Amino acid sequence: MILTKMIKILMRKAQCWGYKVIGMLLILKISQIFRNMGMLEKYDIVHALEKYVMDTVAIWTKKLCVSFIQGGLSSANDNIKFEVDDKYLFDYPVLDLGTGNGLLLQALAKQGFSDLTGTDYSEGAIELARNLAARDGFTTISFLPKKEGAYDNNSYFH
């Protein structure tokens, strides 16, 4: 019942966001529900689902960056091939705010990005992301520690 309501809400938002984004959100939400029920760990598919979503988002991000490099926004047609030498992406800096486990940065590294930095409010998440990046051989990804109070100054908004 909860899942049905969630799907209806997401489908209404699809008019604005596009069906692919909604599909990715739906996969993440379903995996979150199953994880909370303790089902995904049993079958060890949490990591596979999250990795699939992050790889897809990384490809979309690369396409967006390539379209900016080429001087405009791409059309919504996915059949268009985006060919660009990875040297253009080599120095394209990426800061992942709320990096969590860092899988998006790993996926972006696979797409040719090299100036990658992640940070998170949770020190535990940063440590997890560091460990996963080291384990998977992504030595060029850097992670910034949480800096207490550094971003809490309300005077920026007045």
C-alpha atoms as a PDB file:
ATOM      1  CA  MET A   1       0.000   0.000   0.000  1.00  0.00           C
ATOM      2  CA  ILE A   2       2.802   2.423   0.889  1.00  0.00           C
ATOM      3  CA  LEU A   3       4.663   1.449  -2.255  1.00  0.00           C
ATOM      4  CA  THR A   4       1.552   2.052  -4.389  1.00  0.00           C
ATOM      5  CA  LYS A   5       1.088   5.550  -2.942  1.00  0.00           C
ATOM      6  CA  MET A   6       4.755   6.311  -3.484  1.00  0.00           C
ATOM      7  CA  ILE A   7       4.570   5.176  -7.113  1.00  0.00           C
ATOM      8  CA  LYS A   8       1.521   7.398  -7.728  1.00  0.00           C
ATOM      9  CA  ILE A   9       3.295  10.429  -6.259  1.00  0.00           C
ATOM     10  CA  LEU A  10       6.428   9.757  -8.294  1.00  0.00           C
ATOM     11  CA  MET A  11       4.434   9.294 -11.496  1.00  0.00           C
ATOM     12  CA  ARG A  12       2.788  12.689 -10.974  1.00  0.00           C
ATOM     13  CA  LYS A  13       6.234  14.222 -10.642  1.00  0.00           C
ATOM     14  CA  ALA A  14       7.349  12.440 -13.815  1.00  0.00           C
ATOM     15  CA  GLN A  15       5.740  15.152 -15.906  1.00  0.00           C
ATOM     16  CA  CYS A  16       8.369  17.569 -14.595  1.00  0.00           C
ATOM     17  CA  TRP A  17      11.367  15.306 -14.057  1.00  0.00           C
ATOM     18  CA  GLY A  18      11.202  12.775 -16.838  1.00  0.00           C
ATOM     19  CA  TYR A  19      10.565   9.074 -16.571  1.00  0.00           C
ATOM     20  CA  LYS A  20      14.203   8.007 -16.364  1.00  0.00           C
ATOM     21  CA  VAL A  21      14.858  10.044 -13.244  1.00  0.00           C
ATOM     22  CA  ILE A  22      11.652   8.730 -11.711  1.00  0.00           C
ATOM     23  CA  GLY A  23      12.721   5.183 -12.522  1.00  0.00           C
ATOM     24  CA  MET A  24      16.040   5.695 -10.762  1.00  0.00           C
ATOM     25  CA  LEU A  25      14.312   7.224  -7.740  1.00  0.00           C
ATOM     26  CA  LEU A  26      11.880   4.337  -7.655  1.00  0.00           C
ATOM     27  CA  ILE A  27      14.699   1.783  -7.706  1.00  0.00           C
ATOM     28  CA  LEU A  28      16.408   3.578  -4.826  1.00  0.00           C
ATOM     29  CA  LYS A  29      13.192   3.832  -2.796  1.00  0.00           C
ATOM     30  CA  ILE A  30      12.304   0.186  -3.337  1.00  0.00           C
ATOM     31  CA  SER A  31      15.803  -0.888  -2.313  1.00  0.00           C
ATOM     32  CA  GLN A  32      15.519   1.328   0.770  1.00  0.00           C
ATOM     33  CA  ILE A  33      12.195  -0.269   1.734  1.00  0.00           C
ATOM     34  CA  PHE A  34      13.587  -3.771   1.242  1.00  0.00           C
ATOM     35  CA  ARG A  35      16.731  -2.855   3.159  1.00  0.00           C
ATOM     36  CA  ASN A  36      14.612  -1.627   6.074  1.00  0.00           C
ATOM     37  CA  MET A  37      12.775  -4.943   5.993  1.00  0.00           C
ATOM     38  CA  GLY A  38      16.103  -6.801   6.075  1.00  0.00           C
ATOM     39  CA  MET A  39      15.455  -8.512   2.753  1.00  0.00           C
ATOM     40  CA  LEU A  40      18.171  -7.098   0.516  1.00  0.00           C
ATOM     41  CA  GLU A  41      21.110  -7.982   2.728  1.00  0.00           C
ATOM     42  CA  LYS A  42      19.982 -11.578   2.664  1.00  0.00           C
ATOM     43  CA  TYR A  43      20.276 -11.648  -1.111  1.00  0.00           C
ATOM     44  CA  ASP A  44      23.228  -9.204  -1.296  1.00  0.00           C
ATOM     45  CA  ILE A  45      21.674  -6.993  -3.956  1.00  0.00           C
ATOM     46  CA  VAL A  46      21.803  -3.633  -2.160  1.00  0.00           C
ATOM     47  CA  HIS A  47      25.239  -2.818  -3.498  1.00  0.00           C
ATOM     48  CA  ALA A  48      24.340  -3.951  -7.021  1.00  0.00           C
ATOM     49  CA  LEU A  49      21.223  -1.742  -7.160  1.00  0.00           C
ATOM     50  CA  GLU A  50      23.014   1.306  -5.774  1.00  0.00           C
ATOM     51  CA  LYS A  51      25.950   0.774  -8.128  1.00  0.00           C
ATOM     52  CA  TYR A  52      23.601   0.520 -11.130  1.00  0.00           C
ATOM     53  CA  VAL A  53      21.871   3.777 -10.196  1.00  0.00           C
ATOM     54  CA  MET A  54      25.151   5.603  -9.583  1.00  0.00           C
ATOM     55  CA  ASP A  55      26.656   4.364 -12.855  1.00  0.00           C
ATOM     56  CA  THR A  56      23.571   5.608 -14.727  1.00  0.00           C
ATOM     57  CA  VAL A  57      23.669   9.006 -12.993  1.00  0.00           C
ATOM     58  CA  ALA A  58      27.388   9.274 -13.807  1.00  0.00           C
ATOM     59  CA  ILE A  59      26.705   8.654 -17.496  1.00  0.00           C
ATOM     60  CA  TRP A  60      23.998  11.340 -17.479  1.00  0.00           C
ATOM     61  CA  THR A  61      26.392  13.724 -15.702  1.00  0.00           C
ATOM     62  CA  LYS A  62      29.088  13.074 -18.293  1.00  0.00           C
ATOM     63  CA  LYS A  63      26.611  13.772 -21.101  1.00  0.00           C
ATOM     64  CA  LEU A  64      25.618  17.037 -19.438  1.00  0.00           C
ATOM     65  CA  CYS A  65      29.253  18.108 -19.033  1.00  0.00           C
ATOM     66  CA  VAL A  66      30.027  17.188 -22.632  1.00  0.00           C
ATOM     67  CA  SER A  67      27.072  19.235 -23.845  1.00  0.00           C
ATOM     68  CA  PHE A  68      28.368  22.254 -21.894  1.00  0.00           C
ATOM     69  CA  ILE A  69      31.849  21.739 -23.352  1.00  0.00           C
ATOM     70  CA  GLN A  70      30.305  21.596 -26.831  1.00  0.00           C
ATOM     71  CA  GLY A  71      28.509  24.880 -26.211  1.00  0.00           C
ATOM     72  CA  GLY A  72      24.941  24.042 -25.314  1.00  0.00           C
ATOM     73  CA  LEU A  73      22.452  21.734 -23.738  1.00  0.00           C
ATOM     74  CA  SER A  74      21.735  18.410 -25.332  1.00  0.00           C
ATOM     75  CA  SER A  75      18.381  17.400 -26.640  1.00  0.00           C
ATOM     76  CA  ALA A  76      16.312  14.916 -24.679  1.00  0.00           C
ATOM     77  CA  ASN A  77      16.968  12.294 -27.353  1.00  0.00           C
ATOM     78  CA  ASP A  78      19.150   9.546 -25.870  1.00  0.00           C
ATOM     79  CA  ASN A  79      20.038   8.187 -29.294  1.00  0.00           C
ATOM     80  CA  ILE A  80      22.459  11.061 -29.812  1.00  0.00           C
ATOM     81  CA  LYS A  81      26.044   9.924 -29.277  1.00  0.00           C
ATOM     82  CA  PHE A  82      28.197  12.127 -27.099  1.00  0.00           C
ATOM     83  CA  GLU A  83      31.740  11.740 -28.310  1.00  0.00           C
ATOM     84  CA  VAL A  84      34.387  13.719 -26.502  1.00  0.00           C
ATOM     85  CA  ASP A  85      37.982  13.053 -25.659  1.00  0.00           C
ATOM     86  CA  ASP A  86      38.345  12.260 -21.966  1.00  0.00           C
ATOM     87  CA  LYS A  87      41.058  14.929 -21.740  1.00  0.00           C
ATOM     88  CA  TYR A  88      38.253  17.507 -21.639  1.00  0.00           C
ATOM     89  CA  LEU A  89      36.821  15.831 -18.562  1.00  0.00           C
ATOM     90  CA  PHE A  90      40.187  15.243 -16.924  1.00  0.00           C
ATOM     91  CA  ASP A  91      40.250  18.603 -15.120  1.00  0.00           C
ATOM     92  CA  TYR A  92      36.495  19.089 -14.790  1.00  0.00           C
ATOM     93  CA  PRO A  93      36.154  19.459 -10.981  1.00  0.00           C
ATOM     94  CA  VAL A  94      33.330  17.664  -9.186  1.00  0.00           C
ATOM     95  CA  LEU A  95      32.302  18.299  -5.579  1.00  0.00           C
ATOM     96  CA  ASP A  96      29.812  15.729  -4.286  1.00  0.00           C
ATOM     97  CA  LEU A  97      27.961  17.266  -1.337  1.00  0.00           C
ATOM     98  CA  GLY A  98      26.367  14.592   0.808  1.00  0.00           C
ATOM     99  CA  THR A  99      28.579  11.944  -0.764  1.00  0.00           C
ATOM    100  CA  GLY A 100      27.314   9.137   1.463  1.00  0.00           C
ATOM    101  CA  ASN A 101      29.172   5.982   0.449  1.00  0.00           C
ATOM    102  CA  GLY A 102      30.979   7.718  -2.433  1.00  0.00           C
ATOM    103  CA  LEU A 103      29.641   5.432  -5.166  1.00  0.00           C
ATOM    104  CA  LEU A 104      28.704   8.382  -7.393  1.00  0.00           C
ATOM    105  CA  LEU A 105      32.310   9.604  -7.307  1.00  0.00           C
ATOM    106  CA  GLN A 106      33.526   6.118  -8.202  1.00  0.00           C
ATOM    107  CA  ALA A 107      31.089   5.995 -11.117  1.00  0.00           C
ATOM    108  CA  LEU A 108      32.251   9.439 -12.299  1.00  0.00           C
ATOM    109  CA  ALA A 109      35.886   8.288 -12.100  1.00  0.00           C
ATOM    110  CA  LYS A 110      34.989   5.401 -14.431  1.00  0.00           C
ATOM    111  CA  GLN A 111      33.553   7.965 -16.870  1.00  0.00           C
ATOM    112  CA  GLY A 112      36.872   9.845 -17.085  1.00  0.00           C
ATOM    113  CA  PHE A 113      36.566  12.491 -14.384  1.00  0.00           C
ATOM    114  CA  SER A 114      39.679  12.843 -12.240  1.00  0.00           C
ATOM    115  CA  ASP A 115      39.245  15.954 -10.056  1.00  0.00           C
ATOM    116  CA  LEU A 116      36.754  14.373  -7.638  1.00  0.00           C
ATOM    117  CA  THR A 117      36.015  15.454  -4.069  1.00  0.00           C
ATOM    118  CA  GLY A 118      33.310  14.273  -1.693  1.00  0.00           C
ATOM    119  CA  THR A 119      32.096  15.522   1.651  1.00  0.00           C
ATOM    120  CA  ASP A 120      29.288  14.611   3.983  1.00  0.00           C
ATOM    121  CA  TYR A 121      27.718  15.791   7.227  1.00  0.00           C
ATOM    122  CA  SER A 122      28.366  12.349   8.672  1.00  0.00           C
ATOM    123  CA  GLU A 123      31.958  11.529   9.593  1.00  0.00           C
ATOM    124  CA  GLY A 124      30.968   7.857   9.395  1.00  0.00           C
ATOM    125  CA  ALA A 125      29.838   8.302   5.790  1.00  0.00           C
ATOM    126  CA  ILE A 126      33.106  10.001   4.868  1.00  0.00           C
ATOM    127  CA  GLU A 127      35.090   7.187   6.466  1.00  0.00           C
ATOM    128  CA  LEU A 128      32.964   4.577   4.663  1.00  0.00           C
ATOM    129  CA  ALA A 129      33.429   6.376   1.331  1.00  0.00           C
ATOM    130  CA  ARG A 130      37.201   6.565   1.897  1.00  0.00           C
ATOM    131  CA  ASN A 131      37.390   2.865   2.713  1.00  0.00           C
ATOM    132  CA  LEU A 132      35.260   1.838  -0.281  1.00  0.00           C
ATOM    133  CA  ALA A 133      37.289   4.032  -2.647  1.00  0.00           C
ATOM    134  CA  ALA A 134      40.556   2.557  -1.344  1.00  0.00           C
ATOM    135  CA  ARG A 135      39.187  -0.984  -1.504  1.00  0.00           C
ATOM    136  CA  ASP A 136      38.004  -0.517  -5.090  1.00  0.00           C
ATOM    137  CA  GLY A 137      41.259   1.149  -6.222  1.00  0.00           C
ATOM    138  CA  PHE A 138      40.042   4.735  -6.626  1.00  0.00           C
ATOM    139  CA  THR A 139      43.077   6.483  -5.151  1.00  0.00           C
ATOM    140  CA  THR A 140      42.510   9.873  -6.815  1.00  0.00           C
ATOM    141  CA  ILE A 141      39.173  10.583  -5.115  1.00  0.00           C
ATOM    142  CA  SER A 142      39.572  12.901  -2.138  1.00  0.00           C
ATOM    143  CA  PHE A 143      37.212  13.395   0.772  1.00  0.00           C
ATOM    144  CA  LEU A 144      36.860  16.490   2.920  1.00  0.00           C
ATOM    145  CA  PRO A 145      36.138  16.025   6.603  1.00  0.00           C
ATOM    146  CA  LYS A 146      33.145  17.712   8.171  1.00  0.00           C
ATOM    147  CA  LYS A 147      34.150  21.153   9.414  1.00  0.00           C
ATOM    148  CA  GLU A 148      32.013  21.922  12.463  1.00  0.00           C
ATOM    149  CA  GLY A 149      30.139  25.224  12.123  1.00  0.00           C
ATOM    150  CA  ALA A 150      31.848  26.166   8.856  1.00  0.00           C
ATOM    151  CA  TYR A 151      28.607  26.289   6.882  1.00  0.00           C
ATOM    152  CA  ASP A 152      26.165  27.306   9.601  1.00  0.00           C
ATOM    153  CA  ASN A 153      26.533  31.079   9.339  1.00  0.00           C
ATOM    154  CA  ASN A 154      23.038  32.460   8.750  1.00  0.00           C
ATOM    155  CA  SER A 155      24.433  35.872   7.818  1.00  0.00           C
ATOM    156  CA  TYR A 156      25.003  34.534   4.293  1.00  0.00           C
ATOM    157  CA  PHE A 157      21.249  34.487   3.780  1.00  0.00           C
ATOM    158  CA  HIS A 158      20.407  37.971   5.082  1.00  0.00           C
END
